[in-house]
Amino acid sequence: MATKLRLRREGTKNVAAYRLVVTDMRSPRDGRFIEILGHYNPHKGGKEKLTVNTERATYWIGTGAQVSPAVRSLLKLAGVTVPAPKSHRKGKPKTEAAAPAAQ
């Protein structure tokens, strides 16, 4: 099963709060999830704004779960080291490909 760490929207209209969840990649944003890793409330300040279970987050990252860009930045704030996303580009970089053509 391909898993992903992403945000799940909670709260009412104009007062959004989010949960950090591990979910199957095929499930919808607010659909079924495997585990709740923490909470993020952008309306609060200080320590109440972000709570993350760092031990479980590193476990899921270690198992190969992909991390969404928003969750990646939140995990950095929480002090969890997240590996850089893998590039799926094939072929040579543009700088190397342009150099032989100039000769």
C-alpha atoms as a PDB file:
ATOM      1  CA  MET A   1       0.000   0.000   0.000  1.00  0.00           C
ATOM      2  CA  ALA A   2       1.402   3.405  -0.985  1.00  0.00           C
ATOM      3  CA  THR A   3       1.113   5.782   1.965  1.00  0.00           C
ATOM      4  CA  LYS A   4       1.332   9.545   2.208  1.00  0.00           C
ATOM      5  CA  LEU A   5       1.620  12.066   5.032  1.00  0.00           C
ATOM      6  CA  ARG A   6      -0.764  14.927   4.408  1.00  0.00           C
ATOM      7  CA  LEU A   7      -3.156  17.381   6.036  1.00  0.00           C
ATOM      8  CA  ARG A   8      -6.800  16.602   6.665  1.00  0.00           C
ATOM      9  CA  ARG A   9      -9.102  19.619   6.993  1.00  0.00           C
ATOM     10  CA  GLU A  10     -11.239  19.903  10.116  1.00  0.00           C
ATOM     11  CA  GLY A  11     -13.299  22.718  11.637  1.00  0.00           C
ATOM     12  CA  THR A  12     -16.067  24.901  10.291  1.00  0.00           C
ATOM     13  CA  LYS A  13     -16.279  27.349   7.440  1.00  0.00           C
ATOM     14  CA  ASN A  14     -13.629  30.107   7.715  1.00  0.00           C
ATOM     15  CA  VAL A  15     -12.170  28.485  10.870  1.00  0.00           C
ATOM     16  CA  ALA A  16     -10.048  25.698   9.447  1.00  0.00           C
ATOM     17  CA  ALA A  17      -7.903  23.402  11.554  1.00  0.00           C
ATOM     18  CA  TYR A  18      -5.910  20.477  10.216  1.00  0.00           C
ATOM     19  CA  ARG A  19      -4.793  17.036  11.312  1.00  0.00           C
ATOM     20  CA  LEU A  20      -1.526  15.481  10.171  1.00  0.00           C
ATOM     21  CA  VAL A  21      -2.518  12.012   9.002  1.00  0.00           C
ATOM     22  CA  VAL A  22      -1.023   8.977   7.315  1.00  0.00           C
ATOM     23  CA  THR A  23      -3.328   7.852   4.546  1.00  0.00           C
ATOM     24  CA  ASP A  24      -3.481   5.680   1.479  1.00  0.00           C
ATOM     25  CA  MET A  25      -2.604   7.797  -1.564  1.00  0.00           C
ATOM     26  CA  ARG A  26      -5.834   6.815  -3.314  1.00  0.00           C
ATOM     27  CA  SER A  27      -8.175   8.042  -0.562  1.00  0.00           C
ATOM     28  CA  PRO A  28      -9.657  11.571  -0.746  1.00  0.00           C
ATOM     29  CA  ARG A  29      -8.328  14.503   1.291  1.00  0.00           C
ATOM     30  CA  ASP A  30     -10.826  14.179   4.126  1.00  0.00           C
ATOM     31  CA  GLY A  31     -11.438  10.448   3.669  1.00  0.00           C
ATOM     32  CA  ARG A  32     -10.225   7.371   5.478  1.00  0.00           C
ATOM     33  CA  PHE A  33      -6.823   7.496   7.158  1.00  0.00           C
ATOM     34  CA  ILE A  34      -4.442   5.050   8.858  1.00  0.00           C
ATOM     35  CA  GLU A  35      -3.111   7.102  11.769  1.00  0.00           C
ATOM     36  CA  ILE A  36      -3.264  10.639  13.186  1.00  0.00           C
ATOM     37  CA  LEU A  37       0.220  12.070  13.737  1.00  0.00           C
ATOM     38  CA  GLY A  38      -0.663  15.512  15.056  1.00  0.00           C
ATOM     39  CA  HIS A  39      -2.679  18.702  14.783  1.00  0.00           C
ATOM     40  CA  TYR A  40      -2.113  22.081  13.141  1.00  0.00           C
ATOM     41  CA  ASN A  41      -4.258  25.103  13.968  1.00  0.00           C
ATOM     42  CA  PRO A  42      -3.106  28.236  12.096  1.00  0.00           C
ATOM     43  CA  HIS A  43      -5.376  30.470  14.231  1.00  0.00           C
ATOM     44  CA  LYS A  44      -3.581  29.769  17.517  1.00  0.00           C
ATOM     45  CA  GLY A  45      -0.140  30.858  18.579  1.00  0.00           C
ATOM     46  CA  GLY A  46       2.842  29.349  20.360  1.00  0.00           C
ATOM     47  CA  LYS A  47       2.995  25.640  21.152  1.00  0.00           C
ATOM     48  CA  GLU A  48      -0.750  25.189  20.612  1.00  0.00           C
ATOM     49  CA  LYS A  49      -0.350  25.931  16.901  1.00  0.00           C
ATOM     50  CA  LEU A  50       1.433  22.673  16.012  1.00  0.00           C
ATOM     51  CA  THR A  51       1.630  19.329  17.795  1.00  0.00           C
ATOM     52  CA  VAL A  52       3.373  16.378  16.130  1.00  0.00           C
ATOM     53  CA  ASN A  53       4.205  12.867  17.302  1.00  0.00           C
ATOM     54  CA  THR A  54       7.762  13.016  15.971  1.00  0.00           C
ATOM     55  CA  GLU A  55       8.542   9.374  16.754  1.00  0.00           C
ATOM     56  CA  ARG A  56       5.668   8.077  14.630  1.00  0.00           C
ATOM     57  CA  ALA A  57       6.370  10.625  11.862  1.00  0.00           C
ATOM     58  CA  THR A  58       9.962   9.405  11.507  1.00  0.00           C
ATOM     59  CA  TYR A  59       8.704   5.807  11.527  1.00  0.00           C
ATOM     60  CA  TRP A  60       6.325   6.442   8.612  1.00  0.00           C
ATOM     61  CA  ILE A  61       8.943   8.393   6.675  1.00  0.00           C
ATOM     62  CA  GLY A  62      11.333   5.493   7.249  1.00  0.00           C
ATOM     63  CA  THR A  63       8.826   3.029   5.800  1.00  0.00           C
ATOM     64  CA  GLY A  64       8.730   5.030   2.563  1.00  0.00           C
ATOM     65  CA  ALA A  65       5.650   7.204   3.008  1.00  0.00           C
ATOM     66  CA  GLN A  66       5.652  10.262   0.752  1.00  0.00           C
ATOM     67  CA  VAL A  67       5.293  13.671   2.370  1.00  0.00           C
ATOM     68  CA  SER A  68       3.178  16.482   0.948  1.00  0.00           C
ATOM     69  CA  PRO A  69       4.865  19.904   0.620  1.00  0.00           C
ATOM     70  CA  ALA A  70       2.734  21.483   3.371  1.00  0.00           C
ATOM     71  CA  VAL A  71       3.453  18.651   5.810  1.00  0.00           C
ATOM     72  CA  ARG A  72       7.153  18.804   4.890  1.00  0.00           C
ATOM     73  CA  SER A  73       7.357  22.440   6.041  1.00  0.00           C
ATOM     74  CA  LEU A  74       5.398  21.698   9.238  1.00  0.00           C
ATOM     75  CA  LEU A  75       7.654  18.762  10.097  1.00  0.00           C
ATOM     76  CA  LYS A  76      10.699  21.004   9.662  1.00  0.00           C
ATOM     77  CA  LEU A  77       9.190  23.385  12.225  1.00  0.00           C
ATOM     78  CA  ALA A  78       8.661  20.434  14.585  1.00  0.00           C
ATOM     79  CA  GLY A  79      12.289  19.355  14.194  1.00  0.00           C
ATOM     80  CA  VAL A  80      11.757  16.188  12.150  1.00  0.00           C
ATOM     81  CA  THR A  81      14.328  15.633   9.416  1.00  0.00           C
ATOM     82  CA  VAL A  82      12.623  14.854   6.142  1.00  0.00           C
ATOM     83  CA  PRO A  83      14.645  13.614   3.146  1.00  0.00           C
ATOM     84  CA  ALA A  84      14.481  15.721   0.000  1.00  0.00           C
ATOM     85  CA  PRO A  85      11.821  14.689  -2.521  1.00  0.00           C
ATOM     86  CA  LYS A  86      13.049  12.459  -5.322  1.00  0.00           C
ATOM     87  CA  SER A  87      13.208  13.951  -8.791  1.00  0.00           C
ATOM     88  CA  HIS A  88      11.414  11.930 -11.463  1.00  0.00           C
ATOM     89  CA  ARG A  89      13.057  13.754 -14.365  1.00  0.00           C
ATOM     90  CA  LYS A  90      14.880  11.585 -16.844  1.00  0.00           C
ATOM     91  CA  GLY A  91      17.793  12.551 -19.025  1.00  0.00           C
ATOM     92  CA  LYS A  92      20.595  15.028 -18.611  1.00  0.00           C
ATOM     93  CA  PRO A  93      20.222  18.364 -16.846  1.00  0.00           C
ATOM     94  CA  LYS A  94      19.800  21.337 -19.193  1.00  0.00           C
ATOM     95  CA  THR A  95      23.220  22.813 -18.393  1.00  0.00           C
ATOM     96  CA  GLU A  96      25.066  19.671 -19.529  1.00  0.00           C
ATOM     97  CA  ALA A  97      22.859  19.147 -22.586  1.00  0.00           C
ATOM     98  CA  ALA A  98      23.421  22.725 -23.837  1.00  0.00           C
ATOM     99  CA  ALA A  99      27.227  22.631 -23.470  1.00  0.00           C
ATOM    100  CA  PRO A 100      28.004  20.140 -26.339  1.00  0.00           C
ATOM    101  CA  ALA A 101      25.654  21.981 -28.717  1.00  0.00           C
ATOM    102  CA  ALA A 102      27.636  25.202 -28.262  1.00  0.00           C
ATOM    103  CA  GLN A 103      30.895  23.632 -29.474  1.00  0.00           C
END
